[in-house]
Amino acid sequence: MPRRIDAEARNAAIAEASLRVLERDGLTGLSVRGVAAEAGIAAASLRRAFPTQHALREYCLQLIEDRVTARVVALELTGRALVDGLLLQLLPLDQERRLELVAQVQLGVLSLTDSALRPAAIRLSTAVDRACTAALQILSEVGQFHHGRDPEYEAQRLRALLDGIAMHGLWSGELPEAGPMLSMLTRHLDELAGP
């Protein structure tokens, strides 16, 4: 059992290093040598854990989903506060979320021309779609989603808004000011309660 735990910890450390490399150096920096140096391990160890670049890239996308999911599960909130907390996990409001978003964008763009990576990128995107749908379901359960609104359409619109806010956040600098992002999201969610 300890060997498996060590392997999982090593893989997670390698993927964490990969996310940092992606954020700092982009896809061109995501090499065996670059990631091994960032992780503080030998290139041979990295190759044992991830024999191909594809395996490493796919694992990075899975790590992003796992990290966001863990943060959402840890939220001890209900109702509208839970919706806010859930959606804020998808915005670059701190270094960890910024790093995840930059890596997701980098690997997502790569997946447009790398058909082997596309399923992993689509899985992560689908998880974001599910989060938007879940957020609207919670709002509906607490009476903050108007019955005349189309939940499927509103989930797609919420996703588009989140993506736009997130990209603006990335372009605005290292760590964007949270106020404008939160204000836009809060206003949109408030408006969903009305017709």
Foldseek 3Di string as FASTA:
>chain_A
DVVVVVLVVLLLLLLVLQLVQCVPPNPVQNDLVNSCVSSVHDSVVVCVSPVDSLSSLLVNLVSLVVVLVVQLVPDPDAALVSLLSSLVSCAQQDQVNLSSVSSLVRLCVVCVVVVSNVVSNVVSVVVLLVSLLVSVVRCVVVLQADPPDDSNVSSVVLSVLSVVLRVVQNVVDNHDDCVVSSVVNVVSSNCRNDD
